[in-house]
Amino acid sequence: MFPSPVFLELCAVPVTMQHLFDECSPGYGEHAKETGAFEEGWKRVKNTSAMESAAPGWTHLPNKYPSLPIYGVTTHYWGDGFGLHLGKSADEMRSILADLKANRWIDKRTRIIFLEAMLYNGNVDLFTSLTVVFE
């Protein structure tokens, strides 16, 4: 699972609209894409030597397929982001998802989520790759 968050600091509410809105959310793009390292709860890592022990899902991972964008409704995405494996069992997956929810892994800065799965059909000895996009 990969969310792709953006910097909130990259946009400003126009003066004429400030009485209606406190903040704005920028669109996704190479200039707005977040690539930093974080602790749980999207707190910036202050000690980079501690990054090796960081919880999975809070460190930016590079694109696995640099030449193949994934197209959404509003734009295209390059497949990098903050990813993690959801485990091998339903109980493990539920536990990981509950932890992500408690730490607000998906928030208002998230522009897209890729859910990738590899499926195997033993009857015909066939693997299928699946990517579901939530934009």
C-alpha atoms as a PDB file:
ATOM      1  CA  MET A   1       0.000   0.000   0.000  1.00  0.00           C
ATOM      2  CA  PHE A   2       1.438   3.381  -1.012  1.00  0.00           C
ATOM      3  CA  PRO A   3      -0.034   6.786  -0.197  1.00  0.00           C
ATOM      4  CA  SER A   4       1.442   9.851  -1.898  1.00  0.00           C
ATOM      5  CA  PRO A   5       1.183  12.935   0.338  1.00  0.00           C
ATOM      6  CA  VAL A   6       1.979  16.527  -0.645  1.00  0.00           C
ATOM      7  CA  PHE A   7       3.485  19.570   1.126  1.00  0.00           C
ATOM      8  CA  LEU A   8       0.700  21.750   2.542  1.00  0.00           C
ATOM      9  CA  GLU A   9       3.081  24.712   2.681  1.00  0.00           C
ATOM     10  CA  LEU A  10       3.149  25.028  -1.123  1.00  0.00           C
ATOM     11  CA  CYS A  11      -0.107  26.902  -1.473  1.00  0.00           C
ATOM     12  CA  ALA A  12      -1.578  30.006   0.089  1.00  0.00           C
ATOM     13  CA  VAL A  13      -5.190  31.047   0.531  1.00  0.00           C
ATOM     14  CA  PRO A  14      -5.857  34.218  -1.492  1.00  0.00           C
ATOM     15  CA  VAL A  15      -6.490  37.271   0.711  1.00  0.00           C
ATOM     16  CA  THR A  16     -10.033  37.622  -0.626  1.00  0.00           C
ATOM     17  CA  MET A  17     -10.855  34.064   0.528  1.00  0.00           C
ATOM     18  CA  GLN A  18      -9.131  34.050   3.932  1.00  0.00           C
ATOM     19  CA  HIS A  19     -12.378  34.842   5.742  1.00  0.00           C
ATOM     20  CA  LEU A  20     -13.767  31.542   4.389  1.00  0.00           C
ATOM     21  CA  PHE A  21     -10.732  29.213   4.572  1.00  0.00           C
ATOM     22  CA  ASP A  22      -7.770  28.851   6.944  1.00  0.00           C
ATOM     23  CA  GLU A  23      -5.625  26.715   4.657  1.00  0.00           C
ATOM     24  CA  CYS A  24      -5.496  25.184   1.206  1.00  0.00           C
ATOM     25  CA  SER A  25      -4.354  21.862  -0.173  1.00  0.00           C
ATOM     26  CA  PRO A  26      -2.111  21.844  -3.249  1.00  0.00           C
ATOM     27  CA  GLY A  27      -2.586  19.446  -6.115  1.00  0.00           C
ATOM     28  CA  TYR A  28      -0.207  16.559  -6.643  1.00  0.00           C
ATOM     29  CA  GLY A  29       2.913  17.119  -8.723  1.00  0.00           C
ATOM     30  CA  GLU A  30       6.661  16.605  -8.713  1.00  0.00           C
ATOM     31  CA  HIS A  31       7.149  20.025  -7.077  1.00  0.00           C
ATOM     32  CA  ALA A  32       4.629  19.312  -4.287  1.00  0.00           C
ATOM     33  CA  LYS A  33       5.423  15.663  -3.562  1.00  0.00           C
ATOM     34  CA  GLU A  34       6.585  14.854  -0.018  1.00  0.00           C
ATOM     35  CA  THR A  35       9.751  12.717   0.114  1.00  0.00           C
ATOM     36  CA  GLY A  36      10.985  13.215   3.674  1.00  0.00           C
ATOM     37  CA  ALA A  37      11.344  10.761   6.531  1.00  0.00           C
ATOM     38  CA  PHE A  38       8.819  10.736   9.346  1.00  0.00           C
ATOM     39  CA  GLU A  39       8.017   9.146  12.660  1.00  0.00           C
ATOM     40  CA  GLU A  40       4.555   7.737  13.353  1.00  0.00           C
ATOM     41  CA  GLY A  41       1.917  10.460  13.169  1.00  0.00           C
ATOM     42  CA  TRP A  42       3.743  12.352  10.356  1.00  0.00           C
ATOM     43  CA  LYS A  43       6.240  13.973  12.727  1.00  0.00           C
ATOM     44  CA  ARG A  44       9.446  14.891  10.877  1.00  0.00           C
ATOM     45  CA  VAL A  45      12.500  12.822  11.811  1.00  0.00           C
ATOM     46  CA  LYS A  46      14.976  15.077  13.585  1.00  0.00           C
ATOM     47  CA  ASN A  47      17.692  12.459  14.098  1.00  0.00           C
ATOM     48  CA  THR A  48      18.470  10.850  10.739  1.00  0.00           C
ATOM     49  CA  SER A  49      20.621   8.161  12.369  1.00  0.00           C
ATOM     50  CA  ALA A  50      17.425   6.812  13.977  1.00  0.00           C
ATOM     51  CA  MET A  51      15.798   6.276  10.572  1.00  0.00           C
ATOM     52  CA  GLU A  52      16.979   2.654  10.362  1.00  0.00           C
ATOM     53  CA  SER A  53      14.661   1.753  13.231  1.00  0.00           C
ATOM     54  CA  ALA A  54      11.749   3.789  11.841  1.00  0.00           C
ATOM     55  CA  ALA A  55       8.368   2.090  11.691  1.00  0.00           C
ATOM     56  CA  PRO A  56       7.486   0.703   8.242  1.00  0.00           C
ATOM     57  CA  GLY A  57       5.419   3.057   6.112  1.00  0.00           C
ATOM     58  CA  TRP A  58       6.885   6.311   7.393  1.00  0.00           C
ATOM     59  CA  THR A  59       9.944   6.560   5.117  1.00  0.00           C
ATOM     60  CA  HIS A  60       9.720   7.520   1.441  1.00  0.00           C
ATOM     61  CA  LEU A  61      10.371   4.648  -0.968  1.00  0.00           C
ATOM     62  CA  PRO A  62      11.600   5.220  -4.532  1.00  0.00           C
ATOM     63  CA  ASN A  63       9.608   4.334  -7.622  1.00  0.00           C
ATOM     64  CA  LYS A  64       9.783   0.644  -8.524  1.00  0.00           C
ATOM     65  CA  TYR A  65       8.910   1.316 -12.185  1.00  0.00           C
ATOM     66  CA  PRO A  66      10.551   4.644 -13.123  1.00  0.00           C
ATOM     67  CA  SER A  67       9.418   4.644 -16.740  1.00  0.00           C
ATOM     68  CA  LEU A  68       5.772   3.644 -16.194  1.00  0.00           C
ATOM     69  CA  PRO A  69       3.387   6.206 -14.679  1.00  0.00           C
ATOM     70  CA  ILE A  70       0.060   5.160 -13.194  1.00  0.00           C
ATOM     71  CA  TYR A  71      -2.823   7.264 -14.479  1.00  0.00           C
ATOM     72  CA  GLY A  72      -5.575   8.498 -12.201  1.00  0.00           C
ATOM     73  CA  VAL A  73      -8.530  10.766 -12.925  1.00  0.00           C
ATOM     74  CA  THR A  74      -6.811  14.055 -12.047  1.00  0.00           C
ATOM     75  CA  THR A  75      -3.167  13.380 -12.985  1.00  0.00           C
ATOM     76  CA  HIS A  76      -0.533  10.666 -13.337  1.00  0.00           C
ATOM     77  CA  TYR A  77       1.614   9.274 -10.536  1.00  0.00           C
ATOM     78  CA  TRP A  78       5.072   7.712 -10.591  1.00  0.00           C
ATOM     79  CA  GLY A  79       4.555   4.984  -7.992  1.00  0.00           C
ATOM     80  CA  ASP A  80       6.865   6.239  -5.270  1.00  0.00           C
ATOM     81  CA  GLY A  81       5.648   7.109  -1.808  1.00  0.00           C
ATOM     82  CA  PHE A  82       5.394   5.759   1.706  1.00  0.00           C
ATOM     83  CA  GLY A  83       4.778   2.041   1.344  1.00  0.00           C
ATOM     84  CA  LEU A  84       4.499  -1.031   3.491  1.00  0.00           C
ATOM     85  CA  HIS A  85       3.436  -4.653   3.306  1.00  0.00           C
ATOM     86  CA  LEU A  86       0.121  -5.544   4.937  1.00  0.00           C
ATOM     87  CA  GLY A  87       1.263  -8.982   6.064  1.00  0.00           C
ATOM     88  CA  LYS A  88       0.391 -12.536   5.103  1.00  0.00           C
ATOM     89  CA  SER A  89      -2.743 -13.136   7.172  1.00  0.00           C
ATOM     90  CA  ALA A  90      -6.035 -11.317   7.672  1.00  0.00           C
ATOM     91  CA  ASP A  91      -5.271 -10.800  11.386  1.00  0.00           C
ATOM     92  CA  GLU A  92      -1.861  -9.298  10.614  1.00  0.00           C
ATOM     93  CA  MET A  93      -3.423  -7.008   7.999  1.00  0.00           C
ATOM     94  CA  ARG A  94      -6.134  -5.822  10.422  1.00  0.00           C
ATOM     95  CA  SER A  95      -3.519  -5.084  13.073  1.00  0.00           C
ATOM     96  CA  ILE A  96      -1.354  -3.067  10.648  1.00  0.00           C
ATOM     97  CA  LEU A  97      -4.377  -1.144   9.311  1.00  0.00           C
ATOM     98  CA  ALA A  98      -5.560  -0.343  12.859  1.00  0.00           C
ATOM     99  CA  ASP A  99      -2.097   1.017  13.687  1.00  0.00           C
ATOM    100  CA  LEU A 100      -2.045   3.119  10.506  1.00  0.00           C
ATOM    101  CA  LYS A 101      -5.498   4.489  11.295  1.00  0.00           C
ATOM    102  CA  ALA A 102      -4.500   5.346  14.874  1.00  0.00           C
ATOM    103  CA  ASN A 103      -1.478   7.275  13.566  1.00  0.00           C
ATOM    104  CA  ARG A 104      -3.425   9.015  10.757  1.00  0.00           C
ATOM    105  CA  TRP A 105      -1.287   7.513   7.972  1.00  0.00           C
ATOM    106  CA  ILE A 106      -3.923   8.585   5.467  1.00  0.00           C
ATOM    107  CA  ASP A 107      -4.795  12.240   5.966  1.00  0.00           C
ATOM    108  CA  LYS A 108      -5.801  15.377   4.044  1.00  0.00           C
ATOM    109  CA  ARG A 109      -2.374  15.515   2.386  1.00  0.00           C
ATOM    110  CA  THR A 110      -2.833  12.092   0.780  1.00  0.00           C
ATOM    111  CA  ARG A 111      -3.623  12.378  -2.932  1.00  0.00           C
ATOM    112  CA  ILE A 112      -3.632   8.740  -3.982  1.00  0.00           C
ATOM    113  CA  ILE A 113      -3.290   5.252  -2.542  1.00  0.00           C
ATOM    114  CA  PHE A 114      -1.984   2.293  -4.531  1.00  0.00           C
ATOM    115  CA  LEU A 115      -3.048  -1.115  -3.266  1.00  0.00           C
ATOM    116  CA  GLU A 116      -0.903  -3.748  -4.953  1.00  0.00           C
ATOM    117  CA  ALA A 117      -1.437  -7.491  -4.758  1.00  0.00           C
ATOM    118  CA  MET A 118      -0.023 -10.593  -6.379  1.00  0.00           C
ATOM    119  CA  LEU A 119      -2.618 -13.322  -6.874  1.00  0.00           C
ATOM    120  CA  TYR A 120      -1.944 -16.961  -7.712  1.00  0.00           C
ATOM    121  CA  ASN A 121      -4.367 -19.428  -9.288  1.00  0.00           C
ATOM    122  CA  GLY A 122      -3.010 -22.909  -8.596  1.00  0.00           C
ATOM    123  CA  ASN A 123      -5.542 -24.591 -10.920  1.00  0.00           C
ATOM    124  CA  VAL A 124      -3.914 -23.075 -13.997  1.00  0.00           C
ATOM    125  CA  ASP A 125      -0.510 -22.177 -12.465  1.00  0.00           C
ATOM    126  CA  LEU A 126      -1.017 -18.469 -13.206  1.00  0.00           C
ATOM    127  CA  PHE A 127       0.162 -15.369 -11.343  1.00  0.00           C
ATOM    128  CA  THR A 128      -1.738 -12.106 -11.709  1.00  0.00           C
ATOM    129  CA  SER A 129      -0.552  -8.689 -10.631  1.00  0.00           C
ATOM    130  CA  LEU A 130      -3.224  -6.296  -9.386  1.00  0.00           C
ATOM    131  CA  THR A 131      -2.983  -2.559  -8.696  1.00  0.00           C
ATOM    132  CA  VAL A 132      -6.047  -0.776  -7.309  1.00  0.00           C
ATOM    133  CA  VAL A 133      -5.892   3.022  -7.274  1.00  0.00           C
ATOM    134  CA  PHE A 134      -7.816   5.194  -4.794  1.00  0.00           C
ATOM    135  CA  GLU A 135      -7.476   8.817  -5.837  1.00  0.00           C
END
